[in-house]
Protein backbone atom coordinates (compact mmCIF):
# COMPACT_ATOMS: atom_id res chain seq x y z
CA MET A 1 112.29 -26.04 -184.62
CA ARG A 2 114.81 -23.27 -185.23
CA GLU A 3 118.32 -24.43 -186.12
CA ILE A 4 121.02 -23.36 -183.70
CA VAL A 5 123.74 -21.37 -185.45
CA MET A 6 126.07 -20.79 -182.50
CA LEU A 7 126.04 -21.82 -178.85
CA ASP A 8 127.48 -19.57 -176.16
CA LEU A 9 128.18 -22.05 -173.36
CA GLU A 10 130.26 -21.72 -170.24
CA TYR A 11 131.86 -25.02 -169.36
CA ARG A 12 134.81 -26.57 -167.57
CA HIS A 13 136.92 -29.52 -168.57
CA VAL A 14 137.95 -31.49 -165.49
CA ASP A 15 140.03 -34.58 -164.92
CA VAL A 16 138.34 -36.79 -162.35
CA PHE A 17 140.49 -39.26 -160.39
CA SER A 18 143.66 -37.21 -160.94
CA ARG A 19 145.56 -34.33 -159.36
CA ARG A 20 147.01 -33.37 -162.72
CA ALA A 21 145.36 -31.85 -165.76
CA LEU A 22 144.92 -34.12 -168.78
CA ARG A 23 145.70 -37.26 -166.74
CA GLY A 24 142.35 -38.34 -165.27
CA ASN A 25 138.95 -39.41 -166.47
CA GLY A 26 138.03 -36.40 -168.61
CA LEU A 27 134.65 -34.74 -168.20
CA VAL A 28 133.01 -31.59 -169.54
CA VAL A 29 130.71 -29.81 -167.07
CA VAL A 30 128.39 -27.24 -168.67
CA LEU A 31 127.27 -24.44 -166.34
CA ASP A 32 123.84 -22.82 -166.49
CA ALA A 33 122.36 -25.32 -168.95
CA ALA A 34 118.71 -24.61 -168.06
CA SER A 35 117.86 -23.22 -171.49
CA LEU A 36 119.21 -26.22 -173.39
CA PRO A 37 116.78 -28.84 -174.65
CA ALA A 38 117.79 -32.48 -174.16
CA ALA A 39 118.51 -32.88 -177.88
CA VAL A 40 121.05 -30.04 -177.74
CA MET A 41 122.65 -31.53 -174.60
CA GLN A 42 123.00 -34.78 -176.54
CA ASP A 43 124.56 -32.94 -179.50
CA VAL A 44 127.00 -31.08 -177.23
CA THR A 45 128.04 -34.39 -175.69
CA ARG A 46 128.76 -35.85 -179.12
CA GLU A 47 130.68 -32.72 -180.10
CA VAL A 48 133.01 -32.70 -177.08
CA ARG A 49 133.67 -36.46 -177.42
CA GLN A 50 133.93 -37.31 -173.74
CA PHE A 51 132.46 -40.51 -172.29
CA GLU A 52 129.95 -38.37 -170.39
CA THR A 53 129.07 -34.70 -170.22
CA ALA A 54 127.41 -33.14 -167.18
CA PHE A 55 124.91 -30.27 -167.42
CA LEU A 56 124.20 -28.14 -164.34
CA THR A 57 120.97 -26.23 -163.74
CA ASP A 58 119.30 -24.61 -160.74
CA VAL A 59 122.65 -24.02 -159.04
CA ASP A 60 122.35 -22.66 -155.49
CA LEU A 61 125.88 -22.16 -154.17
CA THR A 62 124.67 -20.83 -150.83
CA GLY A 63 122.31 -23.76 -150.31
CA GLY A 64 124.77 -26.29 -151.72
CA SER A 65 122.46 -27.74 -154.34
CA ALA A 66 122.01 -28.13 -158.08
CA ARG A 67 120.27 -30.27 -160.67
CA LEU A 68 122.51 -32.44 -162.81
CA ARG A 69 121.81 -34.14 -166.13
CA ILE A 70 124.34 -36.64 -167.45
CA PHE A 71 124.65 -37.63 -171.11
CA THR A 72 126.74 -40.11 -173.06
CA GLU A 73 126.96 -39.94 -176.84
CA ASP A 74 123.96 -42.30 -176.97
CA GLU A 75 121.66 -41.50 -174.06
CA GLU A 76 120.87 -39.62 -170.86
CA LEU A 77 121.92 -41.54 -167.74
CA ASP A 78 120.09 -41.79 -164.44
CA LEU A 79 123.40 -41.79 -162.55
CA ALA A 80 127.14 -42.05 -163.16
CA GLY A 81 129.86 -41.61 -160.56
CA HIS A 82 132.55 -39.56 -162.24
CA PRO A 83 130.15 -36.90 -163.61
CA VAL A 84 128.69 -36.41 -160.12
CA LEU A 85 132.17 -36.03 -158.63
CA GLY A 86 133.37 -33.75 -161.43
CA ALA A 87 130.27 -31.55 -161.26
CA ALA A 88 130.64 -31.22 -157.47
CA ALA A 89 134.30 -30.23 -157.95
CA VAL A 90 133.34 -27.57 -160.51
CA LEU A 91 130.68 -26.20 -158.16
CA HIS A 92 133.34 -26.02 -155.44
CA THR A 93 135.52 -23.82 -157.67
CA LEU A 94 132.66 -21.31 -157.86
CA LEU A 95 132.59 -20.82 -154.08
CA PRO A 96 134.04 -17.59 -152.67
CA VAL A 97 136.28 -19.58 -150.27
CA SER A 98 137.70 -22.55 -152.17
CA GLY A 99 139.55 -24.18 -149.23
CA ALA A 100 136.45 -24.80 -147.13
CA GLU A 101 134.58 -28.10 -147.09
CA GLN A 102 131.18 -28.07 -148.78
CA THR A 103 128.32 -30.55 -148.87
CA TRP A 104 126.21 -30.71 -152.03
CA ALA A 105 122.77 -32.14 -152.75
CA LEU A 106 122.79 -32.97 -156.46
CA ALA A 107 119.45 -33.91 -157.98
CA VAL A 108 120.17 -36.50 -160.67
CA ALA A 109 117.16 -38.00 -162.43
CA GLN A 110 114.83 -39.31 -159.70
CA ARG A 111 117.29 -39.22 -156.79
CA THR A 112 119.40 -36.79 -154.82
CA VAL A 113 123.05 -37.70 -154.42
CA ALA A 114 125.09 -36.34 -151.54
CA ALA A 115 128.58 -35.13 -152.45
CA ARG A 116 131.25 -33.49 -150.33
CA THR A 117 134.10 -31.34 -151.65
CA ARG A 118 137.20 -29.81 -150.12
CA GLY A 119 139.73 -27.57 -151.81
CA ALA A 120 143.43 -28.40 -151.75
CA ALA A 121 146.51 -26.97 -153.47
CA GLY A 122 145.39 -26.83 -157.10
CA TRP A 123 142.80 -29.60 -156.96
CA ILE A 124 139.48 -30.50 -155.35
CA ASP A 125 138.85 -33.62 -153.27
CA ALA A 126 135.31 -34.94 -153.89
CA THR A 127 133.38 -37.84 -152.41
CA MET A 128 129.83 -39.03 -152.97
CA ASP A 129 127.31 -41.39 -151.46
CA GLN A 130 125.01 -42.74 -154.13
CA GLY A 131 122.90 -44.64 -151.62
CA VAL A 132 121.69 -48.20 -151.84
CA PRO A 133 121.87 -49.52 -155.43
CA GLN A 134 118.54 -50.19 -157.08
CA VAL A 135 118.51 -53.45 -159.00
CA GLY A 136 115.88 -54.01 -161.68
CA PRO A 137 114.22 -57.29 -162.63
CA ALA A 138 116.35 -60.14 -163.98
CA LEU A 139 116.66 -60.37 -167.75
CA ALA A 140 115.18 -63.37 -169.52
CA GLY A 141 114.85 -64.68 -173.05
CA GLU A 142 116.42 -62.91 -176.01
CA PRO A 143 118.07 -60.04 -174.08
CA VAL A 144 120.01 -62.63 -172.08
CA LEU A 145 121.15 -64.44 -175.23
CA ALA A 146 122.50 -61.16 -176.61
CA TYR A 147 125.06 -61.05 -173.79
CA GLY A 148 126.29 -64.61 -174.44
CA ASP A 149 129.25 -65.53 -172.24
CA ALA A 150 129.06 -62.24 -170.35
CA ARG A 151 126.27 -63.68 -168.21
CA VAL A 152 127.02 -64.38 -164.60
CA SER A 153 124.71 -66.81 -162.87
CA ARG A 154 124.33 -65.89 -159.22
CA PRO A 155 121.40 -66.42 -156.93
CA ALA A 156 119.69 -63.24 -155.79
CA SER A 157 120.87 -63.97 -152.24
CA CYS A 158 124.45 -63.19 -153.36
CA ILE A 159 123.54 -59.61 -154.17
CA ARG A 160 123.57 -57.56 -151.00
CA PRO A 161 122.53 -53.94 -150.72
CA CYS A 162 125.35 -51.61 -149.79
CA ARG A 163 125.98 -47.91 -149.62
CA CYS A 164 128.51 -47.12 -152.30
CA ARG A 165 130.96 -44.33 -151.58
CA TRP A 166 133.15 -42.91 -154.30
CA SER A 167 136.12 -40.69 -153.77
CA ALA A 168 137.90 -38.68 -156.39
CA LEU A 169 140.36 -35.98 -157.03
CA ALA A 170 139.42 -33.50 -159.71
CA CYS A 171 141.80 -31.15 -161.40
CA PRO A 172 139.97 -28.32 -163.21
CA THR A 173 141.81 -27.65 -166.47
């Protein structure tokens, strides 16, 4: 594989959950990342040193859709709330009329997440509906022991499906 000497990336740094720059949950959103292999996305994430970095591909502003890949320094995630909200806010800034409300269909891993954005004075209001949470099988044996006192013993009947809605303010910096 050819070593990359220099990357020419367009990206935005946003502060999710804040109306002020450099006060929220920081996130880098890379635009037009279709040509980047996953290993490079992982390296970019380590380089920018944010908890997560969002990579947008297949952006269709008119149709209100895009594909989104989310990376931490260690792995690619199937879903994370603040990168979805931040990416939707960045997409909103690319619209010709920034004050209008926009609905987005963001394909993240194996699901599509609905997000809604609305421009305000210097910031973007974003909400999302991640749908009903999907819970995997219960852990047993050694993986459970690794968590020690962090375990919570609850019968499965205590876990109820719900539709989780997130709301955020994003200030593009």
